[in-house]
Protein backbone atom coordinates (compact mmCIF):
# COMPACT_ATOMS: atom_id res chain seq x y z
CA MET A 1 0.08 -12.97 0.96
CA ASP A 2 1.47 -15.59 -1.42
CA TYR A 3 -1.78 -15.54 -3.38
CA ALA A 4 -1.66 -11.73 -3.63
CA VAL A 5 1.91 -11.83 -4.98
CA GLN A 6 0.94 -14.46 -7.55
CA GLN A 7 -2.04 -12.43 -8.77
CA PHE A 8 0.13 -9.29 -8.89
CA LEU A 9 2.55 -11.08 -11.23
CA ASN A 10 -0.40 -12.29 -13.33
CA ALA A 11 -1.61 -8.70 -13.65
CA LEU A 12 1.89 -7.50 -14.61
CA SER A 13 2.10 -10.17 -17.30
CA PHE A 14 -1.30 -9.34 -18.82
CA GLY A 15 -0.58 -5.63 -18.61
CA ALA A 16 2.82 -6.05 -20.25
CA GLU A 17 1.29 -7.86 -23.22
CA TYR A 18 -1.43 -5.23 -23.66
CA ALA A 19 1.13 -2.43 -23.28
CA LEU A 20 3.38 -3.89 -26.00
CA ILE A 21 0.50 -4.11 -28.47
CA ALA A 22 -0.93 -0.73 -27.45
CA LEU A 23 2.46 0.91 -28.05
CA GLY A 24 2.48 -0.52 -31.57
CA LEU A 25 -0.93 1.02 -32.24
CA ALA A 26 -0.10 4.35 -30.58
CA ILE A 27 3.17 5.03 -32.40
CA VAL A 28 1.48 4.68 -35.81
CA PHE A 29 -1.55 6.72 -34.72
CA SER A 30 0.59 9.53 -33.31
CA ILE A 31 2.19 10.13 -36.73
CA MET A 32 -0.48 9.09 -39.25
CA GLY A 33 -3.73 9.36 -37.30
CA LEU A 34 -4.36 5.75 -38.34
CA VAL A 35 -5.87 3.13 -36.04
CA ASN A 36 -4.13 0.10 -37.52
CA PHE A 37 -6.47 -2.80 -36.77
CA ALA A 38 -4.34 -4.94 -39.11
CA HIS A 39 -1.74 -4.93 -36.31
CA GLY A 40 -3.33 -8.17 -35.06
CA GLU A 41 -2.65 -9.85 -38.38
CA VAL A 42 1.01 -8.81 -38.15
CA ILE A 43 1.08 -10.80 -34.89
CA ALA A 44 -0.65 -13.73 -36.59
CA PHE A 45 1.85 -13.59 -39.48
CA GLY A 46 4.64 -13.89 -36.95
CA GLY A 47 2.94 -16.93 -35.45
CA TYR A 48 2.60 -18.66 -38.82
CA SER A 49 6.19 -17.76 -39.69
CA LEU A 50 7.30 -19.47 -36.50
CA ALA A 51 5.27 -22.56 -37.36
CA VAL A 52 6.60 -22.81 -40.94
CA VAL A 53 10.26 -22.06 -40.23
CA GLY A 54 10.26 -24.22 -37.10
CA THR A 55 8.93 -27.16 -39.12
CA ILE A 56 10.96 -26.80 -42.32
CA LEU A 57 14.29 -25.16 -41.44
CA THR A 58 15.29 -25.18 -37.80
CA GLY A 59 13.99 -25.72 -34.30
CA ASN A 60 16.59 -23.47 -32.65
CA PRO A 61 14.50 -21.16 -30.43
CA LEU A 62 16.89 -18.19 -30.61
CA ILE A 63 16.92 -18.26 -34.42
CA LEU A 64 13.14 -18.64 -34.44
CA MET A 65 12.61 -15.67 -32.14
CA GLY A 66 14.88 -13.53 -34.29
CA PHE A 67 13.04 -14.66 -37.41
CA VAL A 68 9.65 -13.82 -35.88
CA LEU A 69 10.84 -10.29 -35.10
CA LEU A 70 12.20 -9.80 -38.63
CA ALA A 71 9.05 -11.27 -40.21
CA CYS A 72 6.76 -8.94 -38.25
CA VAL A 73 8.88 -5.87 -39.06
CA ALA A 74 8.98 -6.81 -42.76
CA VAL A 75 5.22 -7.39 -43.09
CA ALA A 76 4.41 -4.19 -41.15
CA VAL A 77 6.62 -2.09 -43.48
CA LEU A 78 5.20 -3.89 -46.53
CA LEU A 79 1.62 -3.15 -45.44
CA GLU A 80 2.50 0.52 -45.06
CA LYS A 81 3.89 0.67 -48.59
CA VAL A 82 1.16 -1.39 -50.25
CA ALA A 83 -1.99 -0.49 -48.34
CA PHE A 84 -1.59 2.62 -46.18
CA ARG A 85 0.72 4.94 -48.14
CA THR A 86 -1.96 5.73 -50.71
CA VAL A 87 -4.47 6.79 -48.03
CA ARG A 88 -1.97 8.75 -45.93
CA ASP A 89 -3.55 12.10 -46.79
CA ALA A 90 -7.13 10.82 -46.89
CA ASP A 91 -9.83 11.27 -44.28
CA ILE A 92 -9.37 9.36 -41.01
CA THR A 93 -12.44 7.25 -41.84
CA THR A 94 -10.80 6.09 -45.06
CA GLY A 95 -7.73 4.96 -43.14
CA LEU A 96 -9.88 3.14 -40.60
CA LEU A 97 -11.82 1.29 -43.32
CA THR A 98 -8.56 0.45 -45.10
CA ALA A 99 -7.15 -1.03 -41.88
CA PHE A 100 -10.27 -3.14 -41.37
CA GLY A 101 -10.15 -4.26 -45.00
CA VAL A 102 -6.49 -5.29 -44.74
CA SER A 103 -7.26 -7.15 -41.51
CA ILE A 104 -10.10 -9.13 -43.10
CA ILE A 105 -8.08 -9.89 -46.25
CA LEU A 106 -5.13 -11.22 -44.24
CA GLN A 107 -7.37 -13.32 -42.02
CA ASN A 108 -8.84 -14.97 -45.12
CA VAL A 109 -5.36 -15.45 -46.61
CA PHE A 110 -4.37 -17.30 -43.43
CA LEU A 111 -7.53 -19.40 -43.69
CA LEU A 112 -6.89 -20.27 -47.36
CA LEU A 113 -3.15 -20.93 -47.17
CA GLY A 114 -3.20 -22.40 -43.68
CA SER A 115 -6.14 -23.86 -41.87
CA PRO A 116 -9.11 -22.68 -39.79
CA ARG A 117 -7.72 -24.95 -37.09
CA PRO A 118 -4.73 -23.86 -34.98
CA VAL A 119 -1.35 -24.86 -36.41
CA ALA A 120 0.96 -26.31 -33.76
CA ALA A 121 4.22 -24.46 -33.06
CA THR A 122 5.58 -25.56 -29.72
CA GLN A 123 9.22 -24.47 -30.06
CA LEU A 124 8.81 -21.60 -27.58
CA ILE A 125 6.84 -23.39 -24.89
CA PHE A 126 10.10 -23.80 -22.94
CA LEU A 127 9.71 -20.12 -21.96
CA ASP A 128 6.69 -21.08 -19.87
CA ARG A 129 8.10 -23.01 -16.91
CA THR A 130 7.05 -23.13 -13.29
CA LEU A 131 9.36 -21.30 -10.90
CA TRP A 132 9.31 -20.91 -7.16
CA LEU A 133 10.08 -17.49 -5.67
CA GLY A 134 10.21 -18.55 -2.05
CA PRO A 135 6.74 -19.90 -1.29
CA VAL A 136 5.21 -18.31 -4.42
CA GLN A 137 4.71 -20.38 -7.58
CA VAL A 138 5.00 -18.32 -10.77
CA SER A 139 5.47 -18.85 -14.48
CA SER A 140 8.82 -17.92 -15.98
CA LEU A 141 6.88 -16.51 -18.95
CA GLN A 142 5.36 -13.86 -16.69
CA ILE A 143 8.81 -12.70 -15.64
CA TYR A 144 10.22 -12.76 -19.20
CA GLU A 145 7.23 -10.86 -20.56
CA THR A 146 7.32 -8.16 -17.90
CA VAL A 147 11.10 -7.66 -18.15
CA ALA A 148 11.03 -7.65 -21.98
CA THR A 149 8.25 -5.05 -21.99
CA ILE A 150 10.12 -2.78 -19.57
CA LEU A 151 13.29 -3.08 -21.69
CA ALA A 152 11.31 -2.42 -24.90
CA ILE A 153 9.74 0.71 -23.38
CA ALA A 154 13.13 1.94 -22.18
CA GLY A 155 14.73 1.19 -25.56
CA LEU A 156 11.93 2.98 -27.40
CA GLY A 157 12.32 5.99 -25.11
CA LEU A 158 16.06 6.16 -25.86
CA PHE A 159 15.44 5.76 -29.59
CA LEU A 160 12.89 8.59 -29.66
CA THR A 161 15.09 10.97 -27.68
CA ARG A 162 18.62 10.12 -28.87
CA SER A 163 18.39 9.13 -32.56
CA ASN A 164 17.79 11.45 -35.51
CA LEU A 165 14.95 9.30 -36.83
CA GLY A 166 13.36 9.13 -33.38
CA ILE A 167 13.48 12.92 -32.98
CA ALA A 168 11.97 13.26 -36.47
CA MET A 169 9.17 10.88 -35.47
CA ARG A 170 8.45 12.92 -32.35
CA ALA A 171 8.35 16.06 -34.45
CA ALA A 172 6.03 14.39 -36.95
CA ALA A 173 3.67 13.47 -34.13
CA ARG A 174 3.37 17.20 -33.36
CA ASP A 175 3.30 18.64 -36.89
CA PHE A 176 3.78 16.31 -39.84
CA GLU A 177 3.62 19.10 -42.42
CA MET A 178 6.39 21.03 -40.68
CA VAL A 179 8.61 17.92 -40.78
CA ARG A 180 8.09 17.77 -44.55
CA LEU A 181 8.89 21.47 -44.93
CA CYS A 182 12.14 20.95 -42.99
CA GLY A 183 13.30 18.58 -45.73
CA LEU A 184 12.87 15.28 -43.88
CA ARG A 185 11.57 12.39 -45.98
CA ALA A 186 8.01 11.61 -44.92
CA ASN A 187 8.20 8.04 -46.24
CA ARG A 188 11.24 7.31 -44.08
CA VAL A 189 9.54 8.64 -40.93
CA VAL A 190 6.32 6.70 -41.51
CA SER A 191 8.15 3.50 -42.48
CA GLY A 192 10.20 3.84 -39.30
CA ALA A 193 7.01 4.07 -37.25
CA PHE A 194 5.62 0.94 -38.90
CA ALA A 195 8.92 -0.90 -38.42
CA ILE A 196 8.86 -0.16 -34.69
CA SER A 197 5.21 -1.18 -34.59
CA GLY A 198 6.13 -4.48 -36.27
CA LEU A 199 9.00 -5.05 -33.83
CA LEU A 200 6.64 -4.60 -30.87
CA ALA A 201 4.14 -6.92 -32.56
CA GLY A 202 6.92 -9.51 -32.95
CA LEU A 203 7.76 -9.33 -29.25
CA ALA A 204 4.10 -9.77 -28.34
CA CYS A 205 3.86 -12.66 -30.82
CA ILE A 206 6.74 -14.51 -29.14
CA PHE A 207 5.02 -14.42 -25.76
CA ILE A 208 1.59 -15.25 -27.20
CA MET A 209 3.05 -18.26 -29.04
CA ALA A 210 4.91 -19.39 -25.92
CA ARG A 211 1.60 -19.34 -24.08
CA ARG A 212 -0.60 -20.81 -26.84
CA GLY A 213 1.77 -23.19 -28.62
CA SER A 214 -0.18 -22.74 -31.87
CA ALA A 215 -0.93 -20.16 -34.58
CA ALA A 216 -4.46 -19.31 -35.72
CA PRO A 217 -5.94 -16.77 -38.19
CA HIS A 218 -7.65 -14.72 -35.47
CA MET A 219 -5.00 -15.02 -32.75
CA GLY A 220 -4.10 -11.32 -32.87
CA PHE A 221 -7.57 -9.84 -33.24
CA ASP A 222 -8.79 -9.97 -29.61
CA PRO A 223 -5.48 -8.71 -28.12
CA VAL A 224 -5.50 -5.77 -30.54
CA LEU A 225 -9.07 -4.85 -29.59
CA THR A 226 -8.06 -4.87 -25.92
CA ALA A 227 -4.94 -2.83 -26.73
CA PHE A 228 -7.13 -0.37 -28.65
CA VAL A 229 -9.21 0.12 -25.50
CA ALA A 230 -5.96 0.58 -23.54
CA CYS A 231 -4.92 3.35 -25.95
CA VAL A 232 -8.29 5.06 -25.56
CA VAL A 233 -8.09 4.87 -21.76
CA GLY A 234 -4.53 6.20 -21.65
CA GLY A 235 -5.05 8.81 -24.35
CA PHE A 236 -4.75 7.91 -28.03
CA GLY A 237 -1.52 9.13 -29.56
CA SER A 238 0.23 9.25 -26.18
CA LEU A 239 2.92 6.58 -25.82
CA PRO A 240 3.01 6.83 -22.00
CA GLY A 241 -0.79 6.70 -22.12
CA ALA A 242 -0.69 3.46 -24.12
CA VAL A 243 1.64 1.88 -21.55
CA LEU A 244 -0.47 3.13 -18.64
CA GLY A 245 -3.69 1.93 -20.28
CA GLY A 246 -2.23 -1.50 -21.00
CA PHE A 247 -1.08 -2.10 -17.44
CA LEU A 248 -4.31 -0.64 -16.06
CA LEU A 249 -6.40 -3.07 -18.11
CA GLY A 250 -4.17 -5.95 -17.02
CA PHE A 251 -4.66 -5.12 -13.34
CA LEU A 252 -8.40 -4.53 -13.77
CA GLU A 253 -8.86 -7.84 -15.59
CA VAL A 254 -7.00 -9.89 -12.98
CA GLY A 255 -8.65 -7.93 -10.17
CA MET A 256 -12.12 -8.70 -11.49
CA LEU A 257 -11.27 -12.41 -11.85
CA VAL A 258 -10.12 -12.43 -8.21
CA LEU A 259 -12.99 -10.42 -6.75
CA LEU A 260 -15.92 -11.94 -8.65
CA PRO A 261 -17.29 -15.31 -7.51
CA GLN A 262 -16.17 -18.22 -9.67
CA SER A 263 -19.69 -18.69 -11.06
CA TYR A 264 -19.54 -15.11 -12.40
CA GLY A 265 -16.04 -15.36 -13.83
CA GLY A 266 -17.41 -14.98 -17.37
CA LEU A 267 -18.53 -11.44 -16.48
CA ALA A 268 -15.00 -10.29 -15.65
CA ARG A 269 -14.42 -8.74 -19.08
CA ALA A 270 -17.80 -6.97 -18.93
CA ALA A 271 -16.94 -5.58 -15.49
CA VAL A 272 -13.58 -4.34 -16.79
CA PHE A 273 -15.18 -2.46 -19.67
CA ALA A 274 -17.81 -1.01 -17.33
CA MET A 275 -14.97 0.43 -15.23
CA VAL A 276 -13.30 1.68 -18.42
CA ALA A 277 -16.55 3.50 -19.27
CA LEU A 278 -16.46 5.20 -15.85
CA VAL A 279 -12.85 6.30 -16.46
CA LEU A 280 -13.82 7.77 -19.84
CA ILE A 281 -16.71 9.68 -18.26
CA TRP A 282 -14.10 11.29 -16.00
CA ARG A 283 -11.50 11.79 -18.76
CA PRO A 284 -13.19 11.46 -22.19
CA ASP A 285 -9.91 11.95 -24.08
CA GLY A 286 -7.92 9.52 -21.92
CA ILE A 287 -6.10 9.73 -18.60
CA LEU A 288 -2.90 11.35 -19.87
CA SER A 289 -4.55 13.68 -22.38
CA PRO A 290 -5.04 17.34 -21.42
CA ALA A 291 -8.46 18.02 -19.96
CA SER A 292 -10.79 19.92 -22.30
CA GLU A 293 -14.16 21.50 -21.78
CA LYS A 294 -16.75 20.02 -24.11
CA GLY A 295 -19.95 21.03 -22.34
CA ASP A 296 -21.93 24.23 -22.16
CA LYS A 297 -20.51 27.20 -20.28
CA ILE A 298 -22.73 28.53 -17.48
C-alpha cells in the first residue's frame, strides 16, 4: 500500500509537469494554430537566467523564482514579436518550420554564450526534500509541483472566464477573424497568449531546475516533445485536453516503470507511446475532441 501511494505521487508529479508545458503549447495553438516547439528554449532561457542571476546578483530563492517567471514571460513575448508575428497569416507549415528554426537558433546561442556542459544552479534544490506522510516517504517537490499545477490551472480558468482579455482569447480560439472585426487588437490577444505560455514555462522551469540543479541547452526539448504528445492525446487546441493528456502520460510512464521488469526499464517510454498509438486509433483527433467520421460510408 505504501509503495502504491508513493508511485501515485510520482505519477502526479510527472503528470503535473507535462500538463504545465502542454498548456503552454495548447493556448498558443488554440489562437494561432502554431505548434511552438521553441517553448522548450523558453524553459532553457529561464534556467540560464536563474544560473546567471543567482551567481551575480542574489541567491534569494524567492527573488530568483520571480525573476525566472518574468524572464520566461519576456522572452516568450519577444519571440512572438520578432519571429512569429510575421508568419501569423502564413500556412501552418511555415509556422511549424519557423518554430523549429527558432528552437535550433536558441539552442546554438546557448551553446555559444554558455557551454555544452550543464551550468550549475543549485539555489532551488531546497524545494526537493524528503518528507514522511505517515509511513510513506515522498519528495516535497512532488507536492509543490502538483499543488502549483492545480493552482495554475484554476487561475488560468478564472482568467479566461472572468477577464476581458481572457474572454477575447477564448473568442479568438473560436474565430480569430471575428475578434478582429469586433475591434479587438489582434496583437494584444496573441501577445497575451504568449505571455501566459511563458508564465507556464517559467513555472515548469522552476520545478525542472529544482530537480536537475543545472541548466543545459537542450533541457527543455524532451519535455516539450512529451507535452506535444500529451496535447495530441488530449486533443490539440483543447486546454482541458492538454491537462488530461499530461496527467495521462505521467500515469502511463510511472505505470510502465512499475509493471515492467527492471531489466526492461529502458522500454518504458516505448511502451507508453505504443499505448498512446492505441488511444489515437480509438480517437484520432484526441480524447476530448469531438468524434468525426473519416472513413468510407457503407
